[in-house]
Amino acid sequence: MSVLRMARSLERYWPENYRNKLHKKIHITSLGCPKNLIDSEVMAAILERGGDRIVSSEEEADIVIINTCAFILPAKEESIEEIFRMVDLKERGGLEYLIVTGCLPQRYGTELEAEIPEVDLFLGTGEVPHIGDYLNKLVKREGGTSRTFTGDPDFLMNASHHRLISTPSHTAYLKIAEGCSNCCSYCVIPMVRGRFRSRKPDDILKEAEALAGGGVREVILTAQETTAYGKDLRGNPSLGQLMTDIARIERIKWIRLLYTYPESITEEILETLSQEEKICNYIDIPVQHIDDEILQMMRRRGDSVLIRNVIEKAREIVPGVALRTSLIVGFPGETEEKFDRLLEFVRDTKFDHLGVFEYSREEGTGAAELPHQVSEEERESRRRIIMEEQAEISHTINLSLIGSLEDVILEEASDHPDYDYIGRLRRQAPDIDGITYVKAGGRKRGDIIQCRIDGADDYDLFAEEVVEGEESLL
């Protein structure tokens, strides 16, 4: 899609009077997950199309927008801390307006308005496409007395929503669905993001084409549950077919899949990963736990047998697949025996990448009312134990890669004295997994080159470009 066509498609999101307002310099801070980052990119594009200038730091901004996360307590604390940091900047005369958007106001909007009068607007997750109108009224002082707007969380972006990509220009997230209908007992996502709703395949492909036209080489598919994709649409379009169709876009070289739930990982999806060269042999499977009683209390679909079978099937169908998971420790009722069962599962399964969350008691969720809550001290200890175990596992896996030839996408210049670039293998997703330091000359960001792995530590790898007549894997 051309820039002109994208701009015209946005016109209904920035009304006529918005184009005539006093233009401002705006900085957007995006907290939380990639799905939130995409919303920030949509807002940035709307504002820039309306004549405002998006700036890289709050010090040069007239307006700061903080797009918040409220998934668990640490995320809420990070959001609140950032809000008060910007309140301080505003009080020192560094800002005209401060706006808070996203999950935190969607969940606590009226409370926040009462507690933090320095914030000019609180906007929920459904207000993303109307950001230009809200700012116009704010700057022109045409708003009423209310500072909080949190309607239904029903926004679902489409290909007409241009994005101001904030990731490196060669990599972009692509949101294929929004919301969640699972209602796990510990999770607030359905409250703040609404029910699960898929985008239509043709619409996703239009955006993928536009991203490729803008220089994106790696597309990372994301949703709250990517493997639920299409189940709510007529004809039940499949995730496997969607990935295959994206792979047909010539300029896209890598496709990565996040947030795949074990009970919905089909053989079709695994076969697609195995057969399509452009799709990275990488699967993110958030299992959360392995004890059946804990899984049941979490209201997770599927049991320990299903989880183990899916992992076994993935490794059988997709040789060399890199598996990532996330776990929750300290869930109510997690005894030492149940934790030991989880720890043994980690030792046996040997995930390539693994993250651990301490259980967060969230008001309004079923788990918050469960008995036998685990102490904060014990939760911290259990997280530390698993991460120490995972560090050893990851180091062993990384050592096994030494001597292998791998494609690496170059991200940026390195400050390591012996390596020129920082890059990533197909088995490494940005921000959540390790990185690869690369020796190579005369390259630029976004290049995909063949390297030989020559070193490893717990999470990161070291590599050198193969230059002696050996061709790239691409």
Protein backbone atom coordinates (compact mmCIF):
# COMPACT_ATOMS: atom_id res chain seq x y z
CA MET A 1 0.00 0.00 0.00
CA SER A 2 1.41 3.41 -0.92
CA VAL A 3 2.00 6.08 1.70
CA LEU A 4 -0.65 8.26 0.03
CA ARG A 5 -3.26 5.51 0.16
CA MET A 6 -2.43 4.77 3.80
CA ALA A 7 -2.75 8.45 4.65
CA ARG A 8 -6.15 8.67 2.94
CA SER A 9 -7.35 5.56 4.72
CA LEU A 10 -6.54 7.25 8.04
CA GLU A 11 -8.62 10.37 7.42
CA ARG A 12 -11.64 9.15 9.34
CA TYR A 13 -9.40 8.79 12.43
CA TRP A 14 -8.26 12.42 12.46
CA PRO A 15 -11.21 14.76 11.84
CA GLU A 16 -11.01 18.00 9.90
CA ASN A 17 -10.60 20.20 12.96
CA TYR A 18 -7.72 18.05 14.21
CA ARG A 19 -5.67 18.94 11.16
CA ASN A 20 -6.01 22.61 12.07
CA LYS A 21 -4.86 22.39 15.69
CA LEU A 22 -1.56 23.70 16.98
CA HIS A 23 0.97 20.99 16.20
CA LYS A 24 2.93 19.49 19.08
CA LYS A 25 6.05 17.46 19.71
CA ILE A 26 4.95 14.14 21.22
CA HIS A 27 6.89 11.35 22.88
CA ILE A 28 5.27 7.93 23.36
CA THR A 29 6.54 5.49 25.97
CA SER A 30 5.25 1.96 25.35
CA LEU A 31 5.31 -0.50 28.25
CA GLY A 32 4.51 -4.20 28.31
CA CYS A 33 4.09 -6.63 25.45
CA PRO A 34 4.54 -6.39 21.66
CA LYS A 35 0.75 -6.16 21.28
CA ASN A 36 0.84 -2.95 23.30
CA LEU A 37 3.76 -1.72 21.22
CA ILE A 38 1.68 -2.08 18.06
CA ASP A 39 -1.07 0.08 19.60
CA SER A 40 1.58 2.71 20.36
CA GLU A 41 2.77 2.57 16.76
CA VAL A 42 -0.79 3.07 15.49
CA MET A 43 -1.26 6.09 17.77
CA ALA A 44 2.07 7.54 16.67
CA ALA A 45 1.10 7.26 13.01
CA ILE A 46 -2.28 8.91 13.57
CA LEU A 47 -0.66 11.82 15.39
CA GLU A 48 2.10 12.24 12.83
CA ARG A 49 -0.41 12.18 9.99
CA GLY A 50 -2.29 14.90 11.83
CA GLY A 51 0.75 17.15 11.76
CA ASP A 52 2.33 16.46 15.14
CA ARG A 53 5.96 15.40 15.40
CA ILE A 54 6.90 12.21 17.22
CA VAL A 55 10.15 12.75 19.13
CA SER A 56 12.53 10.23 20.65
CA SER A 57 12.82 11.64 24.17
CA GLU A 58 10.50 13.20 26.72
CA GLU A 59 12.93 16.11 27.26
CA GLU A 60 12.13 17.56 23.83
CA ALA A 61 8.38 16.82 23.96
CA ASP A 62 5.39 19.07 24.61
CA ILE A 63 3.20 16.03 25.27
CA VAL A 64 4.08 12.62 26.66
CA ILE A 65 1.85 9.59 26.14
CA ILE A 66 2.50 6.56 28.36
CA ASN A 67 0.90 3.41 26.95
CA THR A 68 0.69 1.21 30.03
CA CYS A 69 0.57 -2.46 30.97
CA ALA A 70 -1.48 -3.86 33.87
CA PHE A 71 -0.99 -7.60 33.42
CA ILE A 72 0.63 -8.34 36.78
CA LEU A 73 1.82 -6.34 39.80
CA PRO A 74 5.38 -5.63 38.52
CA ALA A 75 3.90 -4.31 35.25
CA LYS A 76 1.51 -2.06 37.16
CA GLU A 77 4.33 -0.83 39.37
CA GLU A 78 6.46 -0.04 36.32
CA SER A 79 3.57 1.89 34.78
CA ILE A 80 2.89 3.89 37.94
CA GLU A 81 6.58 4.63 38.39
CA GLU A 82 6.81 5.95 34.82
CA ILE A 83 3.67 8.07 35.30
CA PHE A 84 5.11 9.76 38.40
CA ARG A 85 8.43 10.28 36.68
CA MET A 86 6.59 12.21 33.97
CA VAL A 87 4.48 14.03 36.56
CA ASP A 88 7.73 15.32 38.02
CA LEU A 89 8.91 16.44 34.58
CA LYS A 90 5.59 18.22 34.00
CA GLU A 91 5.75 20.00 37.37
CA ARG A 92 9.24 21.23 36.52
CA GLY A 93 7.82 22.86 33.40
CA GLY A 94 9.07 20.23 31.00
CA LEU A 95 5.66 19.20 29.65
CA GLU A 96 2.40 20.83 28.68
CA TYR A 97 0.30 17.67 28.81
CA LEU A 98 0.59 14.13 30.15
CA ILE A 99 -1.64 11.36 28.79
CA VAL A 100 -1.91 7.80 30.08
CA THR A 101 -3.35 5.14 27.77
CA GLY A 102 -3.76 1.37 27.59
CA CYS A 103 -4.45 -1.39 30.07
CA LEU A 104 -3.89 0.51 33.33
CA PRO A 105 -6.58 3.17 32.73
CA GLN A 106 -8.86 0.57 31.16
CA ARG A 107 -8.76 -1.25 34.48
CA TYR A 108 -8.39 1.59 37.01
CA GLY A 109 -9.34 4.74 35.10
CA THR A 110 -11.58 6.55 37.59
CA GLU A 111 -9.34 5.61 40.52
CA LEU A 112 -6.30 6.95 38.72
CA GLU A 113 -8.11 10.18 37.85
CA ALA A 114 -8.81 10.78 41.52
CA GLU A 115 -5.31 9.85 42.67
CA ILE A 116 -3.18 11.54 39.98
CA PRO A 117 -4.69 14.94 39.08
CA GLU A 118 -1.53 15.90 37.18
CA VAL A 119 -2.48 13.55 34.32
CA ASP A 120 -4.58 15.33 31.70
CA LEU A 121 -6.20 12.28 30.08
CA PHE A 122 -6.68 8.61 30.86
CA LEU A 123 -7.65 6.59 27.76
CA GLY A 124 -8.53 2.89 27.67
CA THR A 125 -7.50 0.26 25.17
CA GLY A 126 -10.50 0.90 22.92
CA GLU A 127 -9.60 4.55 22.36
CA VAL A 128 -6.47 3.97 20.25
CA PRO A 129 -7.98 5.11 16.91
CA HIS A 130 -9.42 8.28 18.49
CA ILE A 131 -6.19 9.59 19.99
CA GLY A 132 -6.03 12.50 17.52
CA ASP A 133 -9.51 13.72 18.43
CA TYR A 134 -8.79 13.52 22.16
CA LEU A 135 -5.57 15.51 21.81
CA ASN A 136 -7.27 18.08 19.62
CA LYS A 137 -9.93 18.74 22.24
CA LEU A 138 -7.32 18.82 24.99
CA VAL A 139 -5.09 21.35 23.25
CA LYS A 140 -8.07 23.51 22.27
CA ARG A 141 -9.50 23.14 25.79
CA GLU A 142 -12.79 21.91 24.37
CA GLY A 143 -13.16 18.87 26.62
CA GLY A 144 -15.53 18.59 29.54
CA THR A 145 -14.67 17.94 33.16
CA SER A 146 -14.01 14.23 32.74
CA ARG A 147 -10.44 13.15 32.17
CA THR A 148 -11.11 9.41 31.84
CA PHE A 149 -12.46 7.66 28.75
CA THR A 150 -12.65 3.87 28.96
CA GLY A 151 -15.41 2.43 26.82
CA ASP A 152 -15.64 -1.14 25.64
CA PRO A 153 -12.19 -2.63 24.88
CA ASP A 154 -13.27 -3.48 21.34
CA PHE A 155 -10.60 -1.93 19.12
CA LEU A 156 -9.26 -4.30 16.46
CA MET A 157 -6.69 -2.79 14.14
CA ASN A 158 -6.73 -3.45 10.42
CA ALA A 159 -4.53 -2.78 7.42
CA SER A 160 -5.88 0.77 7.08
CA HIS A 161 -4.21 1.69 10.36
CA HIS A 162 -0.77 2.87 9.37
CA ARG A 163 1.94 2.28 11.99
CA LEU A 164 5.04 4.27 12.78
CA ILE A 165 7.31 1.26 13.29
CA SER A 166 9.46 1.64 16.40
CA THR A 167 11.38 -1.63 16.15
CA PRO A 168 14.50 -1.86 13.95
CA SER A 169 13.35 -1.24 10.38
CA HIS A 170 13.99 -4.83 9.30
CA THR A 171 11.80 -6.41 12.00
CA ALA A 172 8.14 -5.81 12.86
CA TYR A 173 5.41 -7.41 14.92
CA LEU A 174 2.17 -8.27 13.15
CA LYS A 175 -0.94 -8.55 15.33
CA ILE A 176 -3.27 -11.19 13.88
CA ALA A 177 -5.91 -11.05 16.62
CA GLU A 178 -6.88 -9.12 19.72
CA GLY A 179 -8.30 -9.99 23.13
CA CYS A 180 -8.76 -13.35 24.84
CA SER A 181 -11.73 -15.59 25.67
CA ASN A 182 -9.92 -18.13 27.86
CA CYS A 183 -10.55 -16.58 31.29
CA CYS A 184 -7.62 -18.21 33.10
CA SER A 185 -8.14 -17.73 36.81
CA TYR A 186 -5.04 -15.53 37.32
CA CYS A 187 -5.38 -13.28 34.27
CA VAL A 188 -7.02 -9.87 33.66
CA ILE A 189 -6.51 -9.77 29.87
CA PRO A 190 -10.18 -10.46 28.99
CA MET A 191 -11.16 -7.54 31.25
CA VAL A 192 -8.81 -5.04 29.63
CA ARG A 193 -8.63 -6.34 26.05
CA GLY A 194 -12.04 -7.90 25.48
CA ARG A 195 -13.03 -11.19 23.91
CA PHE A 196 -10.82 -12.88 21.32
CA ARG A 197 -11.34 -11.59 17.79
CA SER A 198 -9.33 -12.44 14.69
CA ARG A 199 -8.45 -10.20 11.80
CA LYS A 200 -9.44 -11.47 8.36
CA PRO A 201 -6.65 -13.20 6.40
CA ASP A 202 -6.76 -10.79 3.45
CA ASP A 203 -6.44 -7.84 5.81
CA ILE A 204 -3.41 -9.37 7.56
CA LEU A 205 -1.77 -10.08 4.21
CA LYS A 206 -2.30 -6.47 3.13
CA GLU A 207 -0.45 -5.28 6.19
CA ALA A 208 2.29 -7.85 5.70
CA GLU A 209 2.75 -6.61 2.12
CA ALA A 210 2.97 -3.03 3.38
CA LEU A 211 5.54 -3.98 6.00
CA ALA A 212 7.62 -5.78 3.38
CA GLY A 213 7.38 -2.74 1.13
CA GLY A 214 8.79 -0.67 3.98
CA GLY A 215 11.88 -2.85 4.29
CA VAL A 216 10.75 -5.36 6.93
CA ARG A 217 12.44 -8.73 6.47
CA GLU A 218 11.33 -10.47 9.67
CA VAL A 219 7.63 -10.59 10.61
CA ILE A 220 6.71 -11.76 14.11
CA LEU A 221 3.12 -12.96 14.43
CA THR A 222 1.54 -12.05 17.73
CA ALA A 223 -1.81 -12.17 19.55
CA GLN A 224 -2.87 -13.13 23.02
CA GLU A 225 -3.22 -16.66 21.63
CA THR A 226 -2.04 -17.03 18.04
CA THR A 227 -3.19 -20.65 17.84
CA ALA A 228 -6.80 -19.56 18.39
CA TYR A 229 -6.57 -17.61 15.14
CA GLY A 230 -9.52 -17.96 12.79
CA LYS A 231 -11.80 -19.98 15.07
CA ASP A 232 -14.15 -17.01 15.36
CA LEU A 233 -14.25 -16.25 11.62
CA ARG A 234 -16.51 -17.68 8.97
CA GLY A 235 -14.85 -20.63 7.30
CA ASN A 236 -12.35 -21.00 10.18
CA PRO A 237 -9.23 -19.90 8.26
CA SER A 238 -6.20 -21.67 9.65
CA LEU A 239 -3.01 -20.28 11.14
CA GLY A 240 -1.00 -22.71 9.02
CA GLN A 241 -2.46 -21.35 5.79
CA LEU A 242 -1.98 -17.77 6.98
CA MET A 243 1.72 -18.40 7.61
CA THR A 244 2.05 -20.09 4.22
CA ASP A 245 0.47 -17.10 2.48
CA ILE A 246 2.74 -14.65 4.30
CA ALA A 247 5.74 -16.77 3.25
CA ARG A 248 4.77 -16.10 -0.38
CA ILE A 249 5.63 -12.41 0.07
CA GLU A 250 9.01 -12.19 -1.61
CA ARG A 251 10.75 -9.57 0.52
CA ILE A 252 9.84 -11.24 3.80
CA LYS A 253 12.61 -13.69 4.73
CA TRP A 254 11.77 -14.78 8.29
CA ILE A 255 8.40 -15.46 9.93
CA ARG A 256 8.27 -16.06 13.67
CA LEU A 257 5.38 -17.33 15.78
CA LEU A 258 4.69 -16.26 19.38
CA TYR A 259 2.05 -17.17 22.01
CA THR A 260 1.01 -20.64 20.82
CA TYR A 261 -1.09 -22.48 23.39
CA PRO A 262 -0.32 -26.21 23.70
CA GLU A 263 -3.90 -27.46 23.35
CA SER A 264 -4.26 -25.65 20.01
CA ILE A 265 -0.96 -26.60 18.38
CA THR A 266 -2.06 -28.85 15.53
CA GLU A 267 -0.05 -31.12 13.26
CA GLU A 268 -0.93 -28.72 10.43
CA ILE A 269 0.87 -25.89 12.23
CA LEU A 270 3.89 -28.09 12.96
CA GLU A 271 4.02 -29.39 9.39
CA THR A 272 3.88 -25.81 8.11
CA LEU A 273 6.85 -24.86 10.29
CA SER A 274 8.74 -27.89 9.04
CA GLN A 275 8.02 -27.37 5.34
CA GLU A 276 8.19 -23.57 4.90
CA GLU A 277 11.80 -22.41 4.77
CA LYS A 278 10.93 -18.84 5.73
CA ILE A 279 9.15 -19.83 8.93
CA CYS A 280 11.60 -20.02 11.80
CA ASN A 281 11.81 -23.36 13.58
CA TYR A 282 10.85 -21.61 16.79
CA ILE A 283 7.73 -22.11 18.91
CA ASP A 284 6.72 -20.08 21.95
CA ILE A 285 4.52 -22.34 24.14
CA PRO A 286 3.42 -20.70 27.42
CA VAL A 287 2.55 -23.79 29.50
CA GLN A 288 2.55 -21.98 32.92
CA HIS A 289 2.78 -25.20 34.98
CA ILE A 290 2.90 -29.00 34.72
CA ASP A 291 1.06 -30.11 37.87
CA ASP A 292 -2.47 -31.15 36.90
CA GLU A 293 -4.13 -29.75 40.02
CA ILE A 294 -2.44 -26.39 39.53
CA LEU A 295 -3.38 -26.37 35.84
CA GLN A 296 -6.98 -27.08 36.78
CA MET A 297 -7.04 -24.28 39.35
CA MET A 298 -5.49 -21.98 36.75
CA ARG A 299 -8.38 -22.96 34.43
CA ARG A 300 -5.89 -23.86 31.74
CA ARG A 301 -7.12 -26.05 28.93
CA GLY A 302 -5.28 -29.36 28.65
CA ASP A 303 -3.29 -31.33 31.19
CA SER A 304 0.29 -32.47 31.75
CA VAL A 305 -0.05 -35.39 29.33
CA LEU A 306 -1.20 -33.06 26.55
CA ILE A 307 1.69 -30.65 27.22
CA ARG A 308 4.31 -33.38 27.11
CA ASN A 309 2.78 -34.91 23.97
CA VAL A 310 2.76 -31.57 22.15
CA ILE A 311 6.41 -30.95 22.99
CA GLU A 312 7.34 -34.45 21.84
CA LYS A 313 5.34 -34.04 18.62
CA ALA A 314 6.91 -30.63 17.92
CA ARG A 315 10.42 -32.05 18.21
CA GLU A 316 9.47 -35.03 16.07
CA ILE A 317 7.88 -33.05 13.22
CA VAL A 318 10.19 -30.00 13.32
CA PRO A 319 13.77 -31.26 13.75
CA GLY A 320 15.96 -28.80 15.61
CA VAL A 321 13.01 -26.68 16.73
CA ALA A 322 13.79 -24.12 19.42
CA LEU A 323 11.17 -24.16 22.16
CA ARG A 324 10.41 -21.27 24.51
CA THR A 325 7.99 -21.36 27.42
CA SER A 326 6.79 -19.24 30.32
CA LEU A 327 5.97 -20.53 33.79
CA ILE A 328 4.20 -19.21 36.88
CA VAL A 329 5.59 -20.12 40.29
CA GLY A 330 3.91 -19.60 43.65
CA PHE A 331 0.35 -20.07 42.41
CA PRO A 332 -2.07 -20.64 45.33
CA GLY A 333 -1.81 -24.25 46.47
CA GLU A 334 1.62 -24.82 44.94
CA THR A 335 3.16 -27.05 47.60
CA GLU A 336 6.83 -27.98 47.67
CA GLU A 337 5.89 -31.28 46.03
CA LYS A 338 4.08 -29.52 43.19
CA PHE A 339 6.95 -27.11 42.71
CA ASP A 340 9.42 -30.01 42.62
CA ARG A 341 7.28 -31.57 39.89
CA LEU A 342 7.58 -28.36 37.88
CA LEU A 343 11.34 -28.20 38.45
CA GLU A 344 11.76 -31.79 37.31
CA PHE A 345 9.72 -30.99 34.19
CA VAL A 346 12.11 -28.14 33.38
CA ARG A 347 15.11 -30.45 33.85
CA ASP A 348 13.61 -33.19 31.69
CA THR A 349 12.22 -31.03 28.88
CA LYS A 350 15.25 -28.77 28.43
CA PHE A 351 13.56 -25.78 26.83
CA ASP A 352 15.84 -23.64 24.70
CA HIS A 353 14.41 -20.48 26.27
CA LEU A 354 12.34 -20.08 29.42
CA GLY A 355 10.88 -17.22 31.44
CA VAL A 356 9.39 -17.38 34.94
CA PHE A 357 6.76 -15.12 36.49
CA GLU A 358 6.01 -15.01 40.17
CA TYR A 359 2.26 -15.38 40.72
CA SER A 360 0.59 -11.98 41.08
CA ARG A 361 -2.64 -11.82 43.11
CA GLU A 362 -4.87 -9.72 40.89
CA GLU A 363 -8.15 -8.38 42.22
CA GLY A 364 -11.17 -9.45 40.22
CA THR A 365 -9.65 -12.80 39.24
CA GLY A 366 -10.73 -16.19 40.53
CA ALA A 367 -7.27 -17.10 41.78
CA ALA A 368 -7.20 -14.09 44.09
CA GLU A 369 -9.82 -15.78 46.27
CA LEU A 370 -8.12 -19.17 46.42
CA PRO A 371 -6.77 -20.43 49.77
CA HIS A 372 -3.15 -21.36 50.46
CA GLN A 373 -1.54 -18.27 48.95
CA VAL A 374 2.24 -18.64 48.72
CA SER A 375 4.42 -16.04 50.46
CA GLU A 376 6.35 -13.47 48.46
CA GLU A 377 9.62 -14.79 49.86
CA GLU A 378 8.81 -18.33 48.70
CA ARG A 379 7.70 -17.15 45.26
CA GLU A 380 10.98 -15.29 44.79
CA SER A 381 12.98 -18.33 45.92
CA ARG A 382 11.17 -20.67 43.53
CA ARG A 383 11.66 -18.33 40.60
CA ARG A 384 15.38 -18.09 41.37
CA ILE A 385 15.75 -21.88 41.58
CA ILE A 386 14.16 -22.47 38.17
CA MET A 387 16.11 -19.68 36.49
CA GLU A 388 19.38 -21.07 37.86
CA GLU A 389 18.45 -24.48 36.49
CA GLN A 390 17.52 -22.95 33.14
CA ALA A 391 20.82 -21.08 32.90
CA GLU A 392 22.68 -24.40 33.02
CA ILE A 393 20.32 -25.94 30.45
CA SER A 394 20.65 -22.97 28.13
CA HIS A 395 24.44 -22.98 28.43
CA THR A 396 24.62 -26.67 27.54
CA ILE A 397 22.37 -26.14 24.49
CA ASN A 398 24.42 -23.14 23.37
CA LEU A 399 27.68 -25.10 23.69
CA SER A 400 26.19 -27.79 21.43
CA LEU A 401 25.78 -25.18 18.70
CA ILE A 402 29.50 -24.34 18.49
CA GLY A 403 30.79 -25.22 15.04
CA SER A 404 27.36 -25.14 13.39
CA LEU A 405 26.48 -22.87 10.46
CA GLU A 406 23.55 -20.56 11.14
CA ASP A 407 21.82 -17.63 9.45
CA VAL A 408 22.04 -14.46 11.54
CA ILE A 409 20.04 -11.26 11.10
CA LEU A 410 22.15 -8.24 12.05
CA GLU A 411 20.52 -5.84 14.51
CA GLU A 412 23.05 -3.14 15.40
CA ALA A 413 26.70 -2.33 15.97
CA SER A 414 28.28 -4.10 18.95
CA ASP A 415 30.26 -2.55 21.77
CA HIS A 416 32.09 -5.86 22.29
CA PRO A 417 35.77 -5.29 21.41
CA ASP A 418 36.05 -8.52 19.39
CA TYR A 419 32.71 -8.52 17.57
CA ASP A 420 31.34 -5.99 15.10
CA TYR A 421 27.59 -6.57 15.33
CA ILE A 422 24.79 -7.82 17.51
CA GLY A 423 22.45 -10.18 15.72
CA ARG A 424 19.98 -12.99 16.22
CA LEU A 425 19.60 -16.55 14.98
CA ARG A 426 16.29 -17.99 13.85
CA ARG A 427 16.16 -19.55 17.32
CA GLN A 428 16.34 -16.14 19.05
CA ALA A 429 13.35 -13.81 19.27
CA PRO A 430 14.03 -10.11 19.93
CA ASP A 431 14.06 -8.81 23.51
CA ILE A 432 13.07 -12.09 25.20
CA ASP A 433 15.87 -14.47 24.16
CA GLY A 434 19.65 -14.20 23.97
CA ILE A 435 21.62 -12.46 21.24
CA THR A 436 24.49 -13.40 18.95
CA TYR A 437 27.68 -11.35 18.68
CA VAL A 438 29.01 -11.41 15.13
CA LYS A 439 32.38 -10.80 13.47
CA ALA A 440 31.67 -9.48 9.98
CA GLY A 441 32.84 -6.63 7.80
CA GLY A 442 31.02 -4.13 5.61
CA ARG A 443 27.51 -5.15 6.60
CA LYS A 444 24.41 -3.18 7.53
CA ARG A 445 21.45 -3.61 9.84
CA GLY A 446 18.91 -6.10 8.52
CA ASP A 447 21.42 -8.14 6.52
CA ILE A 448 20.96 -11.90 6.93
CA ILE A 449 24.31 -13.64 6.68
CA GLN A 450 25.65 -17.14 7.22
CA CYS A 451 27.90 -17.50 10.26
CA ARG A 452 29.75 -20.20 12.10
CA ILE A 453 29.10 -20.31 15.85
CA ASP A 454 32.44 -20.10 17.66
CA GLY A 455 31.51 -19.42 21.29
CA ALA A 456 28.71 -19.50 23.86
CA ASP A 457 27.75 -18.41 27.34
CA ASP A 458 24.57 -19.02 29.36
CA TYR A 459 22.24 -17.14 27.01
CA ASP A 460 24.27 -15.50 24.23
CA LEU A 461 26.24 -16.85 21.28
CA PHE A 462 29.34 -15.69 19.38
CA ALA A 463 29.82 -16.15 15.64
CA GLU A 464 31.91 -15.23 12.63
CA GLU A 465 30.67 -14.67 9.10
CA VAL A 466 31.52 -17.43 6.63
CA VAL A 467 33.26 -15.68 3.73
CA GLU A 468 35.52 -18.21 2.02
CA GLY A 469 33.32 -19.11 -0.91
CA GLU A 470 30.52 -20.49 1.19
CA GLU A 471 27.13 -19.15 0.12
CA SER A 472 24.37 -17.86 2.37
CA LEU A 473 21.65 -20.28 3.32
CA LEU A 474 19.18 -17.89 1.76
